[in-house]
Amino acid sequence: MSLKVSILAYLPVTGADEVLEQNDGLKVMGHILILVSSASGAPLLEEHLICVGRLAGAEKRLWNWLKPGKAAEIVLETLPEKWSRSSVEEVLAQQRIDFFVIKDDECRKKKLLISDMDNTMIIGETLDDLADVCGLKEEIAAITEQAMCGLLDFPEALRTRVMMLKGLTQASLGETAAGIQYMPGGEKLVRVMKENGAYCVLVSGGFTCFTKGVAGHFGFHVYHGNVLELCDNKLTGRVVEPILDHQTKLSLLQQYARDLQISEADCLAVGDGANDLEMIAAAGLGVGFHPKAYLQKRAQNSVLYGDLTALLYIQGYKDF
């Protein structure tokens, strides 16, 4: 079965000759639906736009390419109350195309980026990788997974894992930091937002011995993280209190918004785990990035297939 037939099979039989109109600069206030293809999926086609536009059910639909074959937006005057987001996601999942819905307002391009680190800006969990040095990765990773899925209290889970690493040398921290792999699209995300005046903050429930280098690599203006206690160049098994947790992340978003004299609507927050939910919910644009199930169920938008450049397309950026 061809791609076109498989997509259009989901469309209602009425209005089969209808097509979307290309928007040549007409401003239509309402909602914007953004579609972004992934490297592992099919290219974005006009058929996808037609399909999603019809499933959205609005009388008028206008669309723009942000990057042909990669990303496009559909502008809706209104978003019907009884439209099925799940039906859209079902169609696009087959092609591994991400789908986002935002309000069409004056705050589309955000002035503050606040991002999680582990499994968001970098690949993997640094604490789990550190545990691999002493042969405890499997045990500690299991606790990490439960905490990120909202099944364990984050501060207590962190204390438990760090205590298991008591006696690990400071040199092991350097070895783990040297092995960090960066998430695709992260450099473009930070660079483009900075070039357009955004302030970029890295905030992590992980540790400053890792956040410092990651922030420097990407060019974040500032970073926050937890601090491992050391004595005689060895981990004591304790975290310096207070622990940076979900509430701290929310407080930091609010504090930076005040300092920058912007509203929370001007903020973009992104993360993958349960401890990112509060800041994601508070931000004008909150996005789960390849999120754990707990966060995916609660975040309004999530990147499921693509890389971090999807966050630029959501904001309407075209050339980067």
C-alpha atoms as a PDB file:
ATOM      1  CA  MET A   1       0.000   0.000   0.000  1.00  0.00           C
ATOM      2  CA  SER A   2       1.363   3.408  -0.925  1.00  0.00           C
ATOM      3  CA  LEU A   3       2.034   6.082   1.659  1.00  0.00           C
ATOM      4  CA  LYS A   4      -0.680   8.315   0.204  1.00  0.00           C
ATOM      5  CA  VAL A   5      -3.346   5.617   0.361  1.00  0.00           C
ATOM      6  CA  SER A   6      -2.409   4.543   3.876  1.00  0.00           C
ATOM      7  CA  ILE A   7      -2.718   8.128   5.125  1.00  0.00           C
ATOM      8  CA  LEU A   8      -5.895   9.057   3.308  1.00  0.00           C
ATOM      9  CA  ALA A   9      -7.567   5.864   4.474  1.00  0.00           C
ATOM     10  CA  TYR A  10      -8.136   7.677   7.765  1.00  0.00           C
ATOM     11  CA  LEU A  11     -10.023  10.566   6.181  1.00  0.00           C
ATOM     12  CA  PRO A  12     -13.820  10.924   6.127  1.00  0.00           C
ATOM     13  CA  VAL A  13     -15.301  10.019   2.752  1.00  0.00           C
ATOM     14  CA  THR A  14     -17.015  13.402   2.389  1.00  0.00           C
ATOM     15  CA  GLY A  15     -15.069  16.351   1.031  1.00  0.00           C
ATOM     16  CA  ALA A  16     -12.546  14.126  -0.700  1.00  0.00           C
ATOM     17  CA  ASP A  17     -11.639  16.860  -3.165  1.00  0.00           C
ATOM     18  CA  GLU A  18     -10.924  19.440  -0.466  1.00  0.00           C
ATOM     19  CA  VAL A  19      -7.349  20.624  -0.034  1.00  0.00           C
ATOM     20  CA  LEU A  20      -5.635  22.917   2.426  1.00  0.00           C
ATOM     21  CA  GLU A  21      -4.953  26.478   1.382  1.00  0.00           C
ATOM     22  CA  GLN A  22      -1.390  27.692   1.663  1.00  0.00           C
ATOM     23  CA  ASN A  23      -1.158  30.638   4.024  1.00  0.00           C
ATOM     24  CA  ASP A  24       0.623  33.547   2.327  1.00  0.00           C
ATOM     25  CA  GLY A  25       1.010  35.663   5.451  1.00  0.00           C
ATOM     26  CA  LEU A  26      -2.637  35.936   6.496  1.00  0.00           C
ATOM     27  CA  LYS A  27      -2.863  36.264  10.291  1.00  0.00           C
ATOM     28  CA  VAL A  28      -5.483  33.957  11.764  1.00  0.00           C
ATOM     29  CA  MET A  29      -5.745  33.918  15.545  1.00  0.00           C
ATOM     30  CA  GLY A  30      -6.609  30.586  17.110  1.00  0.00           C
ATOM     31  CA  HIS A  31      -4.419  27.500  17.334  1.00  0.00           C
ATOM     32  CA  ILE A  32      -1.417  26.228  15.434  1.00  0.00           C
ATOM     33  CA  LEU A  33      -0.799  22.552  14.729  1.00  0.00           C
ATOM     34  CA  ILE A  34       2.855  21.766  14.037  1.00  0.00           C
ATOM     35  CA  LEU A  35       4.037  18.571  12.371  1.00  0.00           C
ATOM     36  CA  VAL A  36       7.720  17.596  12.431  1.00  0.00           C
ATOM     37  CA  SER A  37       9.188  14.508  10.812  1.00  0.00           C
ATOM     38  CA  SER A  38      11.995  12.527  12.423  1.00  0.00           C
ATOM     39  CA  ALA A  39      15.233  11.119  11.053  1.00  0.00           C
ATOM     40  CA  SER A  40      13.926   7.592  11.643  1.00  0.00           C
ATOM     41  CA  GLY A  41      10.561   8.157   9.956  1.00  0.00           C
ATOM     42  CA  ALA A  42       8.944   9.209   6.712  1.00  0.00           C
ATOM     43  CA  PRO A  43       9.343  12.691   5.222  1.00  0.00           C
ATOM     44  CA  LEU A  44       6.488  15.086   5.839  1.00  0.00           C
ATOM     45  CA  LEU A  45       4.142  15.305   2.838  1.00  0.00           C
ATOM     46  CA  GLU A  46       1.175  17.455   1.869  1.00  0.00           C
ATOM     47  CA  GLU A  47      -0.983  14.369   2.409  1.00  0.00           C
ATOM     48  CA  HIS A  48      -0.099  14.506   6.101  1.00  0.00           C
ATOM     49  CA  LEU A  49      -1.220  18.136   6.280  1.00  0.00           C
ATOM     50  CA  ILE A  50      -4.478  17.392   4.497  1.00  0.00           C
ATOM     51  CA  CYS A  51      -5.158  14.463   6.799  1.00  0.00           C
ATOM     52  CA  VAL A  52      -4.433  16.328  10.023  1.00  0.00           C
ATOM     53  CA  GLY A  53      -6.319  19.413   8.868  1.00  0.00           C
ATOM     54  CA  ARG A  54      -9.441  17.390   8.222  1.00  0.00           C
ATOM     55  CA  LEU A  55      -9.160  15.452  11.454  1.00  0.00           C
ATOM     56  CA  ALA A  56      -8.918  18.777  13.301  1.00  0.00           C
ATOM     57  CA  GLY A  57     -12.355  19.555  11.885  1.00  0.00           C
ATOM     58  CA  ALA A  58     -12.078  23.305  11.374  1.00  0.00           C
ATOM     59  CA  GLU A  59     -13.894  25.000   8.505  1.00  0.00           C
ATOM     60  CA  LYS A  60     -10.850  26.954   7.354  1.00  0.00           C
ATOM     61  CA  ARG A  61      -7.368  25.520   7.330  1.00  0.00           C
ATOM     62  CA  LEU A  62      -4.244  27.319   6.291  1.00  0.00           C
ATOM     63  CA  TRP A  63      -0.790  25.811   6.203  1.00  0.00           C
ATOM     64  CA  ASN A  64       2.833  26.870   5.904  1.00  0.00           C
ATOM     65  CA  TRP A  65       5.989  24.914   5.315  1.00  0.00           C
ATOM     66  CA  LEU A  66       8.606  25.644   7.945  1.00  0.00           C
ATOM     67  CA  LYS A  67      10.991  23.353   6.090  1.00  0.00           C
ATOM     68  CA  PRO A  68       9.706  21.357   3.100  1.00  0.00           C
ATOM     69  CA  GLY A  69       9.621  17.660   3.854  1.00  0.00           C
ATOM     70  CA  LYS A  70      10.572  18.269   7.486  1.00  0.00           C
ATOM     71  CA  ALA A  71       8.175  20.591   9.311  1.00  0.00           C
ATOM     72  CA  ALA A  72       4.958  22.487   8.660  1.00  0.00           C
ATOM     73  CA  GLU A  73       2.247  24.319  10.554  1.00  0.00           C
ATOM     74  CA  ILE A  74      -1.508  24.363  10.126  1.00  0.00           C
ATOM     75  CA  VAL A  75      -3.244  27.502  11.371  1.00  0.00           C
ATOM     76  CA  LEU A  76      -6.767  26.991  12.704  1.00  0.00           C
ATOM     77  CA  GLU A  77      -9.268  29.744  13.412  1.00  0.00           C
ATOM     78  CA  THR A  78     -10.792  27.539  16.087  1.00  0.00           C
ATOM     79  CA  LEU A  79     -10.027  24.161  17.570  1.00  0.00           C
ATOM     80  CA  PRO A  80     -13.269  22.151  17.799  1.00  0.00           C
ATOM     81  CA  GLU A  81     -14.140  20.877  21.259  1.00  0.00           C
ATOM     82  CA  LYS A  82     -14.819  17.362  20.012  1.00  0.00           C
ATOM     83  CA  TRP A  83     -11.753  16.689  17.963  1.00  0.00           C
ATOM     84  CA  SER A  84      -9.682  13.588  18.512  1.00  0.00           C
ATOM     85  CA  ARG A  85      -6.027  14.251  19.202  1.00  0.00           C
ATOM     86  CA  SER A  86      -5.479  10.536  19.624  1.00  0.00           C
ATOM     87  CA  SER A  87      -6.703   9.841  16.085  1.00  0.00           C
ATOM     88  CA  VAL A  88      -4.156  12.319  14.719  1.00  0.00           C
ATOM     89  CA  GLU A  89      -1.379  10.771  16.780  1.00  0.00           C
ATOM     90  CA  GLU A  90      -2.386   7.307  15.575  1.00  0.00           C
ATOM     91  CA  VAL A  91      -2.029   8.325  11.936  1.00  0.00           C
ATOM     92  CA  LEU A  92       1.282  10.115  12.408  1.00  0.00           C
ATOM     93  CA  ALA A  93       2.812   7.457  14.656  1.00  0.00           C
ATOM     94  CA  GLN A  94       2.990   5.087  11.695  1.00  0.00           C
ATOM     95  CA  GLN A  95       5.300   7.572   9.966  1.00  0.00           C
ATOM     96  CA  ARG A  96       7.113   8.608  13.184  1.00  0.00           C
ATOM     97  CA  ILE A  97       5.998  12.206  12.777  1.00  0.00           C
ATOM     98  CA  ASP A  98       5.664  14.400  15.862  1.00  0.00           C
ATOM     99  CA  PHE A  99       2.589  16.543  16.345  1.00  0.00           C
ATOM    100  CA  PHE A 100       2.092  19.596  18.569  1.00  0.00           C
ATOM    101  CA  VAL A 101      -0.767  21.978  19.349  1.00  0.00           C
ATOM    102  CA  ILE A 102      -0.187  25.509  20.615  1.00  0.00           C
ATOM    103  CA  LYS A 103      -2.163  28.713  20.877  1.00  0.00           C
ATOM    104  CA  ASP A 104      -1.531  31.284  18.160  1.00  0.00           C
ATOM    105  CA  ASP A 105      -0.445  34.291  20.193  1.00  0.00           C
ATOM    106  CA  GLU A 106       2.272  36.902  20.518  1.00  0.00           C
ATOM    107  CA  CYS A 107       4.449  34.710  22.765  1.00  0.00           C
ATOM    108  CA  ARG A 108       5.343  32.000  20.269  1.00  0.00           C
ATOM    109  CA  LYS A 109       9.094  32.624  20.235  1.00  0.00           C
ATOM    110  CA  LYS A 110      10.147  32.145  23.835  1.00  0.00           C
ATOM    111  CA  LYS A 111      12.473  34.404  25.796  1.00  0.00           C
ATOM    112  CA  LEU A 112      13.553  31.825  28.387  1.00  0.00           C
ATOM    113  CA  LEU A 113      14.661  28.241  27.816  1.00  0.00           C
ATOM    114  CA  ILE A 114      14.829  26.094  30.930  1.00  0.00           C
ATOM    115  CA  SER A 115      15.910  22.543  30.241  1.00  0.00           C
ATOM    116  CA  ASP A 116      16.508  19.335  32.113  1.00  0.00           C
ATOM    117  CA  MET A 117      19.851  17.618  31.462  1.00  0.00           C
ATOM    118  CA  ASP A 118      19.755  13.811  31.729  1.00  0.00           C
ATOM    119  CA  ASN A 119      17.934  12.149  28.823  1.00  0.00           C
ATOM    120  CA  THR A 120      17.061  15.603  27.519  1.00  0.00           C
ATOM    121  CA  MET A 121      20.204  17.556  26.630  1.00  0.00           C
ATOM    122  CA  ILE A 122      22.373  14.456  26.954  1.00  0.00           C
ATOM    123  CA  ILE A 123      21.837  10.782  26.234  1.00  0.00           C
ATOM    124  CA  GLY A 124      21.412   8.682  29.357  1.00  0.00           C
ATOM    125  CA  GLU A 125      21.473   9.265  33.109  1.00  0.00           C
ATOM    126  CA  THR A 126      24.817  10.441  34.478  1.00  0.00           C
ATOM    127  CA  LEU A 127      24.203   8.941  37.910  1.00  0.00           C
ATOM    128  CA  ASP A 128      23.542   5.546  36.339  1.00  0.00           C
ATOM    129  CA  ASP A 129      26.712   5.877  34.264  1.00  0.00           C
ATOM    130  CA  LEU A 130      28.664   6.794  37.387  1.00  0.00           C
ATOM    131  CA  ALA A 131      27.295   3.687  39.085  1.00  0.00           C
ATOM    132  CA  ASP A 132      28.659   1.605  36.227  1.00  0.00           C
ATOM    133  CA  VAL A 133      32.176   2.397  37.464  1.00  0.00           C
ATOM    134  CA  CYS A 134      31.583   0.381  40.618  1.00  0.00           C
ATOM    135  CA  GLY A 135      29.377  -2.301  39.089  1.00  0.00           C
ATOM    136  CA  LEU A 136      26.094  -0.988  40.496  1.00  0.00           C
ATOM    137  CA  LYS A 137      24.508   0.386  37.333  1.00  0.00           C
ATOM    138  CA  GLU A 138      21.698  -2.161  37.163  1.00  0.00           C
ATOM    139  CA  GLU A 139      20.605  -1.630  40.764  1.00  0.00           C
ATOM    140  CA  ILE A 140      20.841   2.162  40.661  1.00  0.00           C
ATOM    141  CA  ALA A 141      19.251   2.443  37.207  1.00  0.00           C
ATOM    142  CA  ALA A 142      16.212   0.572  38.516  1.00  0.00           C
ATOM    143  CA  ILE A 143      15.764   3.167  41.265  1.00  0.00           C
ATOM    144  CA  THR A 144      16.299   5.995  38.765  1.00  0.00           C
ATOM    145  CA  GLU A 145      13.610   4.604  36.475  1.00  0.00           C
ATOM    146  CA  GLN A 146      11.085   4.403  39.305  1.00  0.00           C
ATOM    147  CA  ALA A 147      11.854   7.963  40.400  1.00  0.00           C
ATOM    148  CA  MET A 148      11.548   9.336  36.845  1.00  0.00           C
ATOM    149  CA  CYS A 149       8.224   7.533  36.453  1.00  0.00           C
ATOM    150  CA  GLY A 150       6.858   9.175  39.600  1.00  0.00           C
ATOM    151  CA  LEU A 151       6.851   5.962  41.620  1.00  0.00           C
ATOM    152  CA  LEU A 152       9.396   7.129  44.217  1.00  0.00           C
ATOM    153  CA  ASP A 153       9.993  10.391  46.052  1.00  0.00           C
ATOM    154  CA  PHE A 154      12.801  12.041  44.086  1.00  0.00           C
ATOM    155  CA  PRO A 155      14.897  13.425  46.993  1.00  0.00           C
ATOM    156  CA  GLU A 156      14.773  10.147  48.904  1.00  0.00           C
ATOM    157  CA  ALA A 157      15.580   8.140  45.785  1.00  0.00           C
ATOM    158  CA  LEU A 158      18.535  10.434  45.128  1.00  0.00           C
ATOM    159  CA  ARG A 159      19.869  10.083  48.666  1.00  0.00           C
ATOM    160  CA  THR A 160      19.554   6.297  48.434  1.00  0.00           C
ATOM    161  CA  ARG A 161      21.456   6.091  45.157  1.00  0.00           C
ATOM    162  CA  VAL A 162      24.239   8.426  46.249  1.00  0.00           C
ATOM    163  CA  MET A 163      24.734   6.485  49.488  1.00  0.00           C
ATOM    164  CA  MET A 164      25.263   3.369  47.368  1.00  0.00           C
ATOM    165  CA  LEU A 165      28.196   5.171  45.707  1.00  0.00           C
ATOM    166  CA  LYS A 166      29.979   6.006  48.951  1.00  0.00           C
ATOM    167  CA  GLY A 167      33.751   5.727  48.573  1.00  0.00           C
ATOM    168  CA  LEU A 168      33.821   6.284  44.822  1.00  0.00           C
ATOM    169  CA  THR A 169      36.787   8.455  43.861  1.00  0.00           C
ATOM    170  CA  GLN A 170      36.651  11.944  42.398  1.00  0.00           C
ATOM    171  CA  ALA A 171      38.539  10.610  39.377  1.00  0.00           C
ATOM    172  CA  SER A 172      35.490   8.485  38.578  1.00  0.00           C
ATOM    173  CA  LEU A 173      33.437  11.659  38.215  1.00  0.00           C
ATOM    174  CA  GLY A 174      35.844  12.894  35.568  1.00  0.00           C
ATOM    175  CA  GLU A 175      35.754   9.589  33.714  1.00  0.00           C
ATOM    176  CA  THR A 176      31.961   9.659  33.638  1.00  0.00           C
ATOM    177  CA  ALA A 177      31.887  13.281  32.479  1.00  0.00           C
ATOM    178  CA  ALA A 178      34.292  12.462  29.648  1.00  0.00           C
ATOM    179  CA  GLY A 179      31.917   9.785  28.369  1.00  0.00           C
ATOM    180  CA  ILE A 180      28.841  12.019  28.119  1.00  0.00           C
ATOM    181  CA  GLN A 181      27.042  11.892  24.765  1.00  0.00           C
ATOM    182  CA  TYR A 182      25.063  14.929  23.670  1.00  0.00           C
ATOM    183  CA  MET A 183      21.487  14.806  22.440  1.00  0.00           C
ATOM    184  CA  PRO A 184      21.062  15.554  18.715  1.00  0.00           C
ATOM    185  CA  GLY A 185      19.663  18.999  18.017  1.00  0.00           C
ATOM    186  CA  GLY A 186      20.684  20.455  21.354  1.00  0.00           C
ATOM    187  CA  GLU A 187      23.394  22.732  20.016  1.00  0.00           C
ATOM    188  CA  LYS A 188      21.056  24.221  17.403  1.00  0.00           C
ATOM    189  CA  LEU A 189      18.295  24.686  19.967  1.00  0.00           C
ATOM    190  CA  VAL A 190      20.452  26.706  22.342  1.00  0.00           C
ATOM    191  CA  ARG A 191      22.301  28.596  19.610  1.00  0.00           C
ATOM    192  CA  VAL A 192      19.183  29.728  17.745  1.00  0.00           C
ATOM    193  CA  MET A 193      17.329  30.739  20.884  1.00  0.00           C
ATOM    194  CA  LYS A 194      20.341  32.698  22.146  1.00  0.00           C
ATOM    195  CA  GLU A 195      20.745  34.411  18.782  1.00  0.00           C
ATOM    196  CA  ASN A 196      17.141  35.530  19.081  1.00  0.00           C
ATOM    197  CA  GLY A 197      17.586  36.942  22.563  1.00  0.00           C
ATOM    198  CA  ALA A 198      16.487  34.060  24.775  1.00  0.00           C
ATOM    199  CA  TYR A 199      18.122  33.353  28.135  1.00  0.00           C
ATOM    200  CA  CYS A 200      19.067  29.674  28.469  1.00  0.00           C
ATOM    201  CA  VAL A 201      19.134  27.792  31.774  1.00  0.00           C
ATOM    202  CA  LEU A 202      20.188  24.190  32.389  1.00  0.00           C
ATOM    203  CA  VAL A 203      18.543  22.801  35.513  1.00  0.00           C
ATOM    204  CA  SER A 204      19.090  19.236  36.672  1.00  0.00           C
ATOM    205  CA  GLY A 205      18.393  16.900  39.526  1.00  0.00           C
ATOM    206  CA  GLY A 206      21.803  15.527  38.594  1.00  0.00           C
ATOM    207  CA  PHE A 207      25.093  16.938  39.749  1.00  0.00           C
ATOM    208  CA  THR A 208      27.090  20.096  39.152  1.00  0.00           C
ATOM    209  CA  CYS A 209      30.190  18.062  38.317  1.00  0.00           C
ATOM    210  CA  PHE A 210      28.296  17.160  35.130  1.00  0.00           C
ATOM    211  CA  THR A 211      26.008  20.152  34.560  1.00  0.00           C
ATOM    212  CA  LYS A 212      28.976  22.544  34.398  1.00  0.00           C
ATOM    213  CA  GLY A 213      30.531  20.800  31.412  1.00  0.00           C
ATOM    214  CA  VAL A 214      27.224  20.174  29.655  1.00  0.00           C
ATOM    215  CA  ALA A 215      26.178  23.798  30.050  1.00  0.00           C
ATOM    216  CA  GLY A 216      29.524  24.912  28.660  1.00  0.00           C
ATOM    217  CA  HIS A 217      29.272  22.584  25.679  1.00  0.00           C
ATOM    218  CA  PHE A 218      25.857  23.864  24.633  1.00  0.00           C
ATOM    219  CA  GLY A 219      26.373  27.475  25.648  1.00  0.00           C
ATOM    220  CA  PHE A 220      23.756  27.799  28.384  1.00  0.00           C
ATOM    221  CA  HIS A 221      23.972  31.083  30.240  1.00  0.00           C
ATOM    222  CA  VAL A 222      23.759  29.380  33.637  1.00  0.00           C
ATOM    223  CA  TYR A 223      23.303  25.942  35.174  1.00  0.00           C
ATOM    224  CA  HIS A 224      21.877  24.464  38.375  1.00  0.00           C
ATOM    225  CA  GLY A 225      22.285  21.003  39.878  1.00  0.00           C
ATOM    226  CA  ASN A 226      22.795  19.051  43.047  1.00  0.00           C
ATOM    227  CA  VAL A 227      26.188  18.892  44.747  1.00  0.00           C
ATOM    228  CA  LEU A 228      27.941  15.671  45.714  1.00  0.00           C
ATOM    229  CA  GLU A 229      29.741  15.830  49.054  1.00  0.00           C
ATOM    230  CA  LEU A 230      33.418  14.876  48.860  1.00  0.00           C
ATOM    231  CA  CYS A 231      36.009  14.165  51.535  1.00  0.00           C
ATOM    232  CA  ASP A 232      39.611  13.232  50.745  1.00  0.00           C
ATOM    233  CA  ASN A 233      38.651  13.055  47.046  1.00  0.00           C
ATOM    234  CA  LYS A 234      36.006  10.410  47.694  1.00  0.00           C
ATOM    235  CA  LEU A 235      32.209  10.500  47.777  1.00  0.00           C
ATOM    236  CA  THR A 236      30.880  10.542  51.327  1.00  0.00           C
ATOM    237  CA  GLY A 237      27.568   9.074  50.190  1.00  0.00           C
ATOM    238  CA  ARG A 238      25.718  12.303  50.891  1.00  0.00           C
ATOM    239  CA  VAL A 239      24.206  15.053  48.764  1.00  0.00           C
ATOM    240  CA  VAL A 240      24.635  18.645  49.913  1.00  0.00           C
ATOM    241  CA  GLU A 241      21.233  19.871  51.064  1.00  0.00           C
ATOM    242  CA  PRO A 242      18.829  21.253  50.008  1.00  0.00           C
ATOM    243  CA  ILE A 243      18.214  18.893  47.129  1.00  0.00           C
ATOM    244  CA  LEU A 244      17.209  20.361  43.787  1.00  0.00           C
ATOM    245  CA  ASP A 245      13.914  18.655  42.961  1.00  0.00           C
ATOM    246  CA  HIS A 246      10.716  19.251  40.975  1.00  0.00           C
ATOM    247  CA  GLN A 247       9.699  22.177  43.162  1.00  0.00           C
ATOM    248  CA  THR A 248      13.115  23.788  42.781  1.00  0.00           C
ATOM    249  CA  LYS A 249      12.855  23.531  39.001  1.00  0.00           C
ATOM    250  CA  LEU A 250       9.495  25.305  39.094  1.00  0.00           C
ATOM    251  CA  SER A 251      10.843  27.963  41.448  1.00  0.00           C
ATOM    252  CA  LEU A 252      13.827  28.579  39.172  1.00  0.00           C
ATOM    253  CA  LEU A 253      11.565  29.045  36.153  1.00  0.00           C
ATOM    254  CA  GLN A 254       9.479  31.547  38.088  1.00  0.00           C
ATOM    255  CA  GLN A 255      12.544  33.344  39.448  1.00  0.00           C
ATOM    256  CA  TYR A 256      14.208  33.735  36.055  1.00  0.00           C
ATOM    257  CA  ALA A 257      10.941  34.944  34.553  1.00  0.00           C
ATOM    258  CA  ARG A 258      10.765  37.635  37.242  1.00  0.00           C
ATOM    259  CA  ASP A 259      14.407  38.583  36.794  1.00  0.00           C
ATOM    260  CA  LEU A 260      13.954  38.883  33.032  1.00  0.00           C
ATOM    261  CA  GLN A 261      10.673  40.747  33.526  1.00  0.00           C
ATOM    262  CA  ILE A 262       8.772  38.312  31.349  1.00  0.00           C
ATOM    263  CA  SER A 263       5.707  36.186  31.966  1.00  0.00           C
ATOM    264  CA  GLU A 264       5.602  32.409  32.255  1.00  0.00           C
ATOM    265  CA  ALA A 265       3.930  32.485  28.832  1.00  0.00           C
ATOM    266  CA  ASP A 266       7.321  33.572  27.449  1.00  0.00           C
ATOM    267  CA  CYS A 267       9.054  30.463  28.827  1.00  0.00           C
ATOM    268  CA  LEU A 268       9.930  27.126  27.235  1.00  0.00           C
ATOM    269  CA  ALA A 269      10.501  24.196  29.598  1.00  0.00           C
ATOM    270  CA  VAL A 270      11.579  20.746  28.453  1.00  0.00           C
ATOM    271  CA  GLY A 271      12.379  17.496  30.228  1.00  0.00           C
ATOM    272  CA  ASP A 272      11.700  13.777  30.277  1.00  0.00           C
ATOM    273  CA  GLY A 273      10.772  12.734  33.806  1.00  0.00           C
ATOM    274  CA  ALA A 274       8.251  13.137  36.597  1.00  0.00           C
ATOM    275  CA  ASN A 275      10.363  15.782  38.338  1.00  0.00           C
ATOM    276  CA  ASP A 276      10.030  18.007  35.238  1.00  0.00           C
ATOM    277  CA  LEU A 277       6.234  18.082  35.251  1.00  0.00           C
ATOM    278  CA  GLU A 278       5.722  21.190  37.382  1.00  0.00           C
ATOM    279  CA  MET A 279       7.997  23.426  35.319  1.00  0.00           C
ATOM    280  CA  ILE A 280       6.588  22.014  32.078  1.00  0.00           C
ATOM    281  CA  ALA A 281       3.034  22.677  33.248  1.00  0.00           C
ATOM    282  CA  ALA A 282       3.886  26.241  34.278  1.00  0.00           C
ATOM    283  CA  ALA A 283       5.701  27.269  31.091  1.00  0.00           C
ATOM    284  CA  GLY A 284       3.910  28.876  28.177  1.00  0.00           C
ATOM    285  CA  LEU A 285       5.413  26.080  26.096  1.00  0.00           C
ATOM    286  CA  GLY A 286       6.064  22.942  28.103  1.00  0.00           C
ATOM    287  CA  VAL A 287       7.313  19.908  26.202  1.00  0.00           C
ATOM    288  CA  GLY A 288       8.142  16.380  27.236  1.00  0.00           C
ATOM    289  CA  PHE A 289      11.186  15.076  25.382  1.00  0.00           C
ATOM    290  CA  HIS A 290      10.964  11.324  24.744  1.00  0.00           C
ATOM    291  CA  PRO A 291       9.171  11.376  28.100  1.00  0.00           C
ATOM    292  CA  LYS A 292       8.516   8.648  30.586  1.00  0.00           C
ATOM    293  CA  ALA A 293       4.879   7.490  30.554  1.00  0.00           C
ATOM    294  CA  TYR A 294       4.076   9.493  33.693  1.00  0.00           C
ATOM    295  CA  LEU A 295       5.054  12.755  32.022  1.00  0.00           C
ATOM    296  CA  GLN A 296       3.706  11.916  28.580  1.00  0.00           C
ATOM    297  CA  LYS A 297       0.217  11.430  29.994  1.00  0.00           C
ATOM    298  CA  ARG A 298       0.323  14.854  31.645  1.00  0.00           C
ATOM    299  CA  ALA A 299       2.284  17.075  29.250  1.00  0.00           C
ATOM    300  CA  GLN A 300       0.274  18.897  26.603  1.00  0.00           C
ATOM    301  CA  ASN A 301       3.005  18.361  24.010  1.00  0.00           C
ATOM    302  CA  SER A 302       5.782  15.802  23.677  1.00  0.00           C
ATOM    303  CA  VAL A 303       8.580  15.053  21.239  1.00  0.00           C
ATOM    304  CA  LEU A 304       8.240  11.308  20.758  1.00  0.00           C
ATOM    305  CA  TYR A 305      10.327  10.614  17.655  1.00  0.00           C
ATOM    306  CA  GLY A 306      12.461  13.597  16.674  1.00  0.00           C
ATOM    307  CA  ASP A 307      15.363  15.532  18.122  1.00  0.00           C
ATOM    308  CA  LEU A 308      15.594  18.812  20.013  1.00  0.00           C
ATOM    309  CA  THR A 309      15.247  20.941  16.869  1.00  0.00           C
ATOM    310  CA  ALA A 310      11.532  20.132  17.050  1.00  0.00           C
ATOM    311  CA  LEU A 311      11.377  22.773  19.797  1.00  0.00           C
ATOM    312  CA  LEU A 312      12.529  25.375  17.278  1.00  0.00           C
ATOM    313  CA  TYR A 313       9.882  24.414  14.742  1.00  0.00           C
ATOM    314  CA  ILE A 314       7.201  24.623  17.431  1.00  0.00           C
ATOM    315  CA  GLN A 315       8.255  28.225  17.987  1.00  0.00           C
ATOM    316  CA  GLY A 316       7.992  28.962  14.262  1.00  0.00           C
ATOM    317  CA  TYR A 317      11.698  29.088  13.430  1.00  0.00           C
ATOM    318  CA  LYS A 318      12.481  28.211   9.824  1.00  0.00           C
ATOM    319  CA  ASP A 319      16.098  28.966   8.994  1.00  0.00           C
ATOM    320  CA  PHE A 320      18.711  27.383  11.251  1.00  0.00           C
END
